[in-house]
C-alpha atoms as a PDB file:
ATOM      1  CA  MET A   1       0.809  21.048  19.918  1.00  0.00           C
ATOM      2  CA  ILE A   2       3.363  18.254  19.566  1.00  0.00           C
ATOM      3  CA  SER A   3       6.613  18.047  21.500  1.00  0.00           C
ATOM      4  CA  PRO A   4       8.668  15.064  20.308  1.00  0.00           C
ATOM      5  CA  LYS A   5      11.461  13.914  22.569  1.00  0.00           C
ATOM      6  CA  GLY A   6      14.991  13.466  21.416  1.00  0.00           C
ATOM      7  CA  ALA A   7      17.402  15.415  19.297  1.00  0.00           C
ATOM      8  CA  SER A   8      19.199  14.917  16.032  1.00  0.00           C
ATOM      9  CA  PRO A   9      22.808  13.747  15.909  1.00  0.00           C
ATOM     10  CA  ILE A  10      24.820  16.929  15.484  1.00  0.00           C
ATOM     11  CA  ALA A  11      28.353  17.977  14.878  1.00  0.00           C
ATOM     12  CA  SER A  12      30.272  18.785  18.049  1.00  0.00           C
ATOM     13  CA  ASN A  13      32.780  21.265  16.562  1.00  0.00           C
ATOM     14  CA  ASN A  14      30.195  24.021  16.107  1.00  0.00           C
ATOM     15  CA  PRO A  15      28.813  25.559  19.328  1.00  0.00           C
ATOM     16  CA  LYS A  16      25.555  26.459  17.576  1.00  0.00           C
ATOM     17  CA  ALA A  17      25.086  22.795  16.706  1.00  0.00           C
ATOM     18  CA  ARG A  18      24.153  22.213  20.344  1.00  0.00           C
ATOM     19  CA  LEU A  19      21.090  24.427  19.972  1.00  0.00           C
ATOM     20  CA  PRO A  20      17.724  22.623  19.927  1.00  0.00           C
ATOM     21  CA  LEU A  21      15.865  22.533  16.632  1.00  0.00           C
ATOM     22  CA  VAL A  22      12.250  23.726  16.703  1.00  0.00           C
ATOM     23  CA  LEU A  23      10.037  22.787  13.774  1.00  0.00           C
ATOM     24  CA  ALA A  24       7.737  25.754  13.151  1.00  0.00           C
ATOM     25  CA  SER A  25       5.023  23.606  11.611  1.00  0.00           C
ATOM     26  CA  GLU A  26       2.450  21.187  12.956  1.00  0.00           C
ATOM     27  CA  SER A  27       2.363  19.291   9.660  1.00  0.00           C
ATOM     28  CA  PRO A  28       2.753  15.569  10.399  1.00  0.00           C
ATOM     29  CA  ARG A  29       4.121  15.147   6.878  1.00  0.00           C
ATOM     30  CA  ARG A  30       7.050  17.493   7.503  1.00  0.00           C
ATOM     31  CA  LEU A  31       7.774  15.851  10.841  1.00  0.00           C
ATOM     32  CA  ALA A  32       7.759  12.417   9.195  1.00  0.00           C
ATOM     33  CA  LEU A  33      10.062  13.574   6.400  1.00  0.00           C
ATOM     34  CA  LEU A  34      12.585  14.916   8.903  1.00  0.00           C
ATOM     35  CA  ALA A  35      12.402  11.621  10.803  1.00  0.00           C
ATOM     36  CA  GLN A  36      13.102   9.840   7.526  1.00  0.00           C
ATOM     37  CA  ALA A  37      16.432  11.699   7.469  1.00  0.00           C
ATOM     38  CA  GLY A  38      17.123  10.867  11.118  1.00  0.00           C
ATOM     39  CA  ILE A  39      16.272  14.370  12.347  1.00  0.00           C
ATOM     40  CA  VAL A  40      13.967  14.631  15.349  1.00  0.00           C
ATOM     41  CA  PRO A  41      13.173  18.217  16.426  1.00  0.00           C
ATOM     42  CA  ALA A  42      13.344  19.071  20.093  1.00  0.00           C
ATOM     43  CA  ALA A  43       9.903  20.678  19.770  1.00  0.00           C
ATOM     44  CA  VAL A  44       7.178  21.325  17.236  1.00  0.00           C
ATOM     45  CA  ARG A  45       5.148  24.517  17.268  1.00  0.00           C
ATOM     46  CA  GLY A  46       2.589  25.862  14.811  1.00  0.00           C
ATOM     47  CA  ALA A  47       2.140  29.474  13.741  1.00  0.00           C
ATOM     48  CA  SER A  48      -1.285  30.956  13.072  1.00  0.00           C
ATOM     49  CA  LEU A  49      -0.930  33.454  10.229  1.00  0.00           C
ATOM     50  CA  ASP A  50      -3.058  35.168   7.623  1.00  0.00           C
ATOM     51  CA  GLU A  51      -1.987  33.257   4.515  1.00  0.00           C
ATOM     52  CA  THR A  52      -3.789  35.476   2.018  1.00  0.00           C
ATOM     53  CA  PRO A  53      -1.490  36.380  -0.891  1.00  0.00           C
ATOM     54  CA  ARG A  54      -0.761  40.068  -1.249  1.00  0.00           C
ATOM     55  CA  LYS A  55      -1.975  41.894  -4.337  1.00  0.00           C
ATOM     56  CA  ASN A  56       0.110  40.854  -7.380  1.00  0.00           C
ATOM     57  CA  GLU A  57       2.448  38.826  -5.151  1.00  0.00           C
ATOM     58  CA  PRO A  58       4.381  36.273  -7.251  1.00  0.00           C
ATOM     59  CA  PRO A  59       4.131  32.639  -6.058  1.00  0.00           C
ATOM     60  CA  ARG A  60       7.838  32.355  -5.234  1.00  0.00           C
ATOM     61  CA  ARG A  61       7.816  35.514  -3.145  1.00  0.00           C
ATOM     62  CA  TYR A  62       4.583  34.444  -1.462  1.00  0.00           C
ATOM     63  CA  ALA A  63       5.988  31.047  -0.414  1.00  0.00           C
ATOM     64  CA  ALA A  64       9.260  32.565   0.805  1.00  0.00           C
ATOM     65  CA  ARG A  65       7.451  35.255   2.783  1.00  0.00           C
ATOM     66  CA  LEU A  66       5.142  32.798   4.540  1.00  0.00           C
ATOM     67  CA  ALA A  67       7.954  30.388   5.440  1.00  0.00           C
ATOM     68  CA  LEU A  68       9.956  33.210   6.997  1.00  0.00           C
ATOM     69  CA  GLU A  69       6.925  34.677   8.793  1.00  0.00           C
ATOM     70  CA  LYS A  70       6.118  31.265  10.292  1.00  0.00           C
ATOM     71  CA  ALA A  71       9.652  30.861  11.593  1.00  0.00           C
ATOM     72  CA  LEU A  72       9.695  34.398  13.009  1.00  0.00           C
ATOM     73  CA  ALA A  73       6.292  33.977  14.685  1.00  0.00           C
ATOM     74  CA  VAL A  74       7.331  30.771  16.453  1.00  0.00           C
ATOM     75  CA  GLN A  75      10.680  32.290  17.410  1.00  0.00           C
ATOM     76  CA  ALA A  76       8.919  35.318  18.947  1.00  0.00           C
ATOM     77  CA  ALA A  77       6.709  33.061  21.091  1.00  0.00           C
ATOM     78  CA  TRP A  78       9.560  30.777  22.190  1.00  0.00           C
ATOM     79  CA  THR A  79      10.622  31.224  25.815  1.00  0.00           C
ATOM     80  CA  ALA A  80      12.889  28.221  26.405  1.00  0.00           C
ATOM     81  CA  GLY A  81      16.194  29.819  25.453  1.00  0.00           C
ATOM     82  CA  PRO A  82      18.268  29.975  22.252  1.00  0.00           C
ATOM     83  CA  ALA A  83      17.196  27.617  19.484  1.00  0.00           C
ATOM     84  CA  MET A  84      17.102  27.109  15.731  1.00  0.00           C
ATOM     85  CA  PHE A  85      13.722  27.465  14.013  1.00  0.00           C
ATOM     86  CA  LEU A  86      12.831  25.624  10.820  1.00  0.00           C
ATOM     87  CA  ALA A  87       9.699  26.486   8.833  1.00  0.00           C
ATOM     88  CA  ALA A  88       8.342  25.739   5.374  1.00  0.00           C
ATOM     89  CA  ASP A  89       5.460  26.731   3.143  1.00  0.00           C
ATOM     90  CA  THR A  90       4.209  24.822   0.111  1.00  0.00           C
ATOM     91  CA  VAL A  91       2.381  26.494  -2.765  1.00  0.00           C
ATOM     92  CA  VAL A  92       0.768  24.875  -5.803  1.00  0.00           C
ATOM     93  CA  THR A  93       0.577  27.035  -8.912  1.00  0.00           C
ATOM     94  CA  CYS A  94      -1.004  26.524 -12.299  1.00  0.00           C
ATOM     95  CA  GLY A  95       0.381  29.167 -14.602  1.00  0.00           C
ATOM     96  CA  ALA A  96       0.582  32.320 -12.497  1.00  0.00           C
ATOM     97  CA  ARG A  97      -2.386  31.272 -10.370  1.00  0.00           C
ATOM     98  CA  ILE A  98      -1.839  30.264  -6.745  1.00  0.00           C
ATOM     99  CA  LEU A  99      -4.197  27.444  -5.819  1.00  0.00           C
ATOM    100  CA  PRO A 100      -5.712  27.552  -2.335  1.00  0.00           C
ATOM    101  CA  LYS A 101      -5.260  25.152   0.527  1.00  0.00           C
ATOM    102  CA  ALA A 102      -8.510  23.293   0.146  1.00  0.00           C
ATOM    103  CA  GLU A 103     -10.916  23.886   3.030  1.00  0.00           C
ATOM    104  CA  SER A 104     -13.789  21.729   1.741  1.00  0.00           C
ATOM    105  CA  ASP A 105     -14.633  19.004  -0.742  1.00  0.00           C
ATOM    106  CA  ALA A 106     -15.876  21.768  -3.072  1.00  0.00           C
ATOM    107  CA  ASP A 107     -12.390  23.311  -3.001  1.00  0.00           C
ATOM    108  CA  VAL A 108     -10.860  19.913  -3.753  1.00  0.00           C
ATOM    109  CA  ARG A 109     -13.156  19.453  -6.755  1.00  0.00           C
ATOM    110  CA  ALA A 110     -12.348  22.916  -8.079  1.00  0.00           C
ATOM    111  CA  CYS A 111      -8.595  22.371  -7.763  1.00  0.00           C
ATOM    112  CA  LEU A 112      -8.639  18.938  -9.400  1.00  0.00           C
ATOM    113  CA  LYS A 113     -10.781  20.134 -12.290  1.00  0.00           C
ATOM    114  CA  LEU A 114      -8.231  22.856 -12.941  1.00  0.00           C
ATOM    115  CA  LEU A 115      -5.255  20.480 -12.669  1.00  0.00           C
ATOM    116  CA  SER A 116      -6.822  17.662 -14.728  1.00  0.00           C
ATOM    117  CA  GLY A 117      -4.660  16.862 -17.738  1.00  0.00           C
ATOM    118  CA  ARG A 118      -2.342  19.787 -17.025  1.00  0.00           C
ATOM    119  CA  ARG A 119       1.145  20.464 -15.750  1.00  0.00           C
ATOM    120  CA  HIS A 120       1.507  22.465 -12.564  1.00  0.00           C
ATOM    121  CA  GLN A 121       4.290  23.562 -10.231  1.00  0.00           C
ATOM    122  CA  VAL A 122       4.795  22.867  -6.544  1.00  0.00           C
ATOM    123  CA  LEU A 123       6.963  25.394  -4.727  1.00  0.00           C
ATOM    124  CA  THR A 124       8.221  24.866  -1.198  1.00  0.00           C
ATOM    125  CA  ALA A 125      10.130  27.596   0.596  1.00  0.00           C
ATOM    126  CA  VAL A 126      12.211  26.617   3.616  1.00  0.00           C
ATOM    127  CA  ALA A 127      13.412  29.126   6.221  1.00  0.00           C
ATOM    128  CA  LEU A 128      15.927  28.493   8.995  1.00  0.00           C
ATOM    129  CA  LEU A 129      16.597  30.962  11.814  1.00  0.00           C
ATOM    130  CA  VAL A 130      19.863  30.668  13.721  1.00  0.00           C
ATOM    131  CA  PRO A 131      20.732  33.068  16.578  1.00  0.00           C
ATOM    132  CA  ASP A 132      22.839  36.082  15.570  1.00  0.00           C
ATOM    133  CA  GLU A 133      22.696  35.191  11.873  1.00  0.00           C
ATOM    134  CA  PRO A 134      20.550  36.392   8.973  1.00  0.00           C
ATOM    135  CA  PRO A 135      17.747  34.004   7.950  1.00  0.00           C
ATOM    136  CA  ARG A 136      18.760  31.154   5.682  1.00  0.00           C
ATOM    137  CA  GLN A 137      16.259  30.273   2.968  1.00  0.00           C
ATOM    138  CA  ARG A 138      15.817  27.816   0.114  1.00  0.00           C
ATOM    139  CA  LEU A 139      13.091  27.536  -2.503  1.00  0.00           C
ATOM    140  CA  VAL A 140      12.530  24.343  -4.484  1.00  0.00           C
ATOM    141  CA  MET A 141      10.217  23.765  -7.433  1.00  0.00           C
ATOM    142  CA  THR A 142       8.831  20.465  -8.713  1.00  0.00           C
ATOM    143  CA  ARG A 143       6.813  20.113 -11.920  1.00  0.00           C
ATOM    144  CA  VAL A 144       3.904  17.672 -11.783  1.00  0.00           C
ATOM    145  CA  GLN A 145       1.810  16.477 -14.725  1.00  0.00           C
ATOM    146  CA  PHE A 146      -1.645  15.102 -13.950  1.00  0.00           C
ATOM    147  CA  CYS A 147      -3.445  12.690 -16.230  1.00  0.00           C
ATOM    148  CA  ARG A 148      -6.932  13.641 -17.364  1.00  0.00           C
ATOM    149  CA  LEU A 149      -9.344  13.040 -14.509  1.00  0.00           C
ATOM    150  CA  THR A 150     -12.948  11.947 -14.861  1.00  0.00           C
ATOM    151  CA  ASP A 151     -15.746  13.689 -13.005  1.00  0.00           C
ATOM    152  CA  SER A 152     -16.435  10.463 -11.123  1.00  0.00           C
ATOM    153  CA  GLY A 153     -12.765  10.114 -10.167  1.00  0.00           C
ATOM    154  CA  ILE A 154     -12.671  13.682  -8.888  1.00  0.00           C
ATOM    155  CA  GLU A 155     -15.841  13.153  -6.882  1.00  0.00           C
ATOM    156  CA  ALA A 156     -14.572   9.892  -5.384  1.00  0.00           C
ATOM    157  CA  TYR A 157     -11.352  11.591  -4.303  1.00  0.00           C
ATOM    158  CA  ALA A 158     -13.157  14.607  -2.861  1.00  0.00           C
ATOM    159  CA  GLN A 159     -15.290  12.276  -0.745  1.00  0.00           C
ATOM    160  CA  THR A 160     -12.179  10.780   0.878  1.00  0.00           C
ATOM    161  CA  ARG A 161     -11.446  14.225   2.420  1.00  0.00           C
ATOM    162  CA  GLU A 162      -7.767  13.460   1.820  1.00  0.00           C
ATOM    163  CA  GLY A 163      -7.230  16.684  -0.106  1.00  0.00           C
ATOM    164  CA  GLU A 164      -8.676  18.999   2.522  1.00  0.00           C
ATOM    165  CA  GLY A 165      -6.059  21.184   4.166  1.00  0.00           C
ATOM    166  CA  LYS A 166      -3.625  20.481   1.322  1.00  0.00           C
ATOM    167  CA  ALA A 167      -2.204  23.020  -1.108  1.00  0.00           C
ATOM    168  CA  GLY A 168      -3.826  22.411  -4.481  1.00  0.00           C
ATOM    169  CA  GLY A 169      -6.415  20.087  -2.959  1.00  0.00           C
ATOM    170  CA  TYR A 170      -4.441  16.841  -3.118  1.00  0.00           C
ATOM    171  CA  ALA A 171      -1.925  14.738  -1.186  1.00  0.00           C
ATOM    172  CA  ILE A 172       0.580  13.065  -3.496  1.00  0.00           C
ATOM    173  CA  GLN A 173       1.560  10.593  -0.769  1.00  0.00           C
ATOM    174  CA  GLY A 174      -2.003   9.254  -0.705  1.00  0.00           C
ATOM    175  CA  ARG A 175      -4.553   8.222  -3.328  1.00  0.00           C
ATOM    176  CA  ALA A 176      -3.718  11.253  -5.440  1.00  0.00           C
ATOM    177  CA  GLU A 177      -0.460   9.606  -6.504  1.00  0.00           C
ATOM    178  CA  THR A 178      -2.601   7.711  -9.026  1.00  0.00           C
ATOM    179  CA  PHE A 179      -3.290  11.068 -10.737  1.00  0.00           C
ATOM    180  CA  VAL A 180       0.379  11.717 -11.462  1.00  0.00           C
ATOM    181  CA  GLN A 181       1.438  11.042 -15.027  1.00  0.00           C
ATOM    182  CA  ALA A 182       4.923  12.533 -14.644  1.00  0.00           C
ATOM    183  CA  ILE A 183       6.995  14.344 -12.051  1.00  0.00           C
ATOM    184  CA  ASN A 184      10.148  16.372 -12.579  1.00  0.00           C
ATOM    185  CA  GLY A 185      12.017  17.252  -9.393  1.00  0.00           C
ATOM    186  CA  SER A 186      11.850  16.418  -5.706  1.00  0.00           C
ATOM    187  CA  TYR A 187       8.996  14.137  -4.655  1.00  0.00           C
ATOM    188  CA  SER A 188       9.363  15.103  -0.986  1.00  0.00           C
ATOM    189  CA  ASN A 189       8.983  18.733  -2.049  1.00  0.00           C
ATOM    190  CA  VAL A 190       5.456  17.915  -3.230  1.00  0.00           C
ATOM    191  CA  VAL A 191       4.736  16.168   0.073  1.00  0.00           C
ATOM    192  CA  GLY A 192       5.717  19.372   1.878  1.00  0.00           C
ATOM    193  CA  LEU A 193       9.470  19.533   2.528  1.00  0.00           C
ATOM    194  CA  PRO A 194      12.340  19.201   0.005  1.00  0.00           C
ATOM    195  CA  LEU A 195      14.344  16.772   2.067  1.00  0.00           C
ATOM    196  CA  ALA A 196      17.760  16.892   0.387  1.00  0.00           C
ATOM    197  CA  GLN A 197      17.847  20.686   0.392  1.00  0.00           C
ATOM    198  CA  THR A 198      16.601  20.899   3.979  1.00  0.00           C
ATOM    199  CA  VAL A 199      19.234  18.471   5.239  1.00  0.00           C
ATOM    200  CA  ARG A 200      21.951  20.484   3.491  1.00  0.00           C
ATOM    201  CA  LEU A 201      20.585  23.685   5.004  1.00  0.00           C
ATOM    202  CA  LEU A 202      20.759  22.175   8.489  1.00  0.00           C
ATOM    203  CA  ALA A 203      24.179  20.695   7.827  1.00  0.00           C
ATOM    204  CA  GLY A 204      25.464  24.171   7.071  1.00  0.00           C
ATOM    205  CA  CYS A 205      24.581  25.077  10.664  1.00  0.00           C
ATOM    206  CA  GLY A 206      26.405  22.096  12.154  1.00  0.00           C
ATOM    207  CA  PHE A 207      23.819  19.326  11.930  1.00  0.00           C
ATOM    208  CA  ALA A 208      25.158  16.047  10.590  1.00  0.00           C
ATOM    209  CA  ASN A 209      24.144  15.386   6.990  1.00  0.00           C
ATOM    210  CA  LEU A 210      22.596  11.991   7.514  1.00  0.00           C
END
């Protein structure tokens, strides 16, 4: 559990802007991306959920559902008074197939073999909960084209363990960036949080658009 100190600069003309922001994710990548925009949550909390896709659940609906469930779970456990809750979920898809969050080097190998030489999509859903308002959500898609990967290159990457715990078995901000032949859309979305869209979402609640 991480509890950063400090708060983002916020607009003073909106009473809800004085509410603390809680990041409902323990992803260091999402925390770093927010910091890049000058936004430092008052607290960071993770949510432990069953992330198994439902039968015939489309990738977009799956990502949006998980982001909202994460925000709601952290909100339900929060006891420190009114706050805003920001959550996100990133899904990698190849065709209609949702790739797993790699749990082992074998998962990383399987994902990279599937993605080798192919175009895939990265979807990130963002959910924001504000007291006395309906949930606010955004969903952003980025298309990524991988070059053709060799078996030795896949094995070398799997051995770094960099892809473990990552959707699709790779981290674009690390060594896997060398796999990318082309990208169409938000780079930060592939890292785990579409920064421009998230900042605009927060700005709509009174946070300064830095």
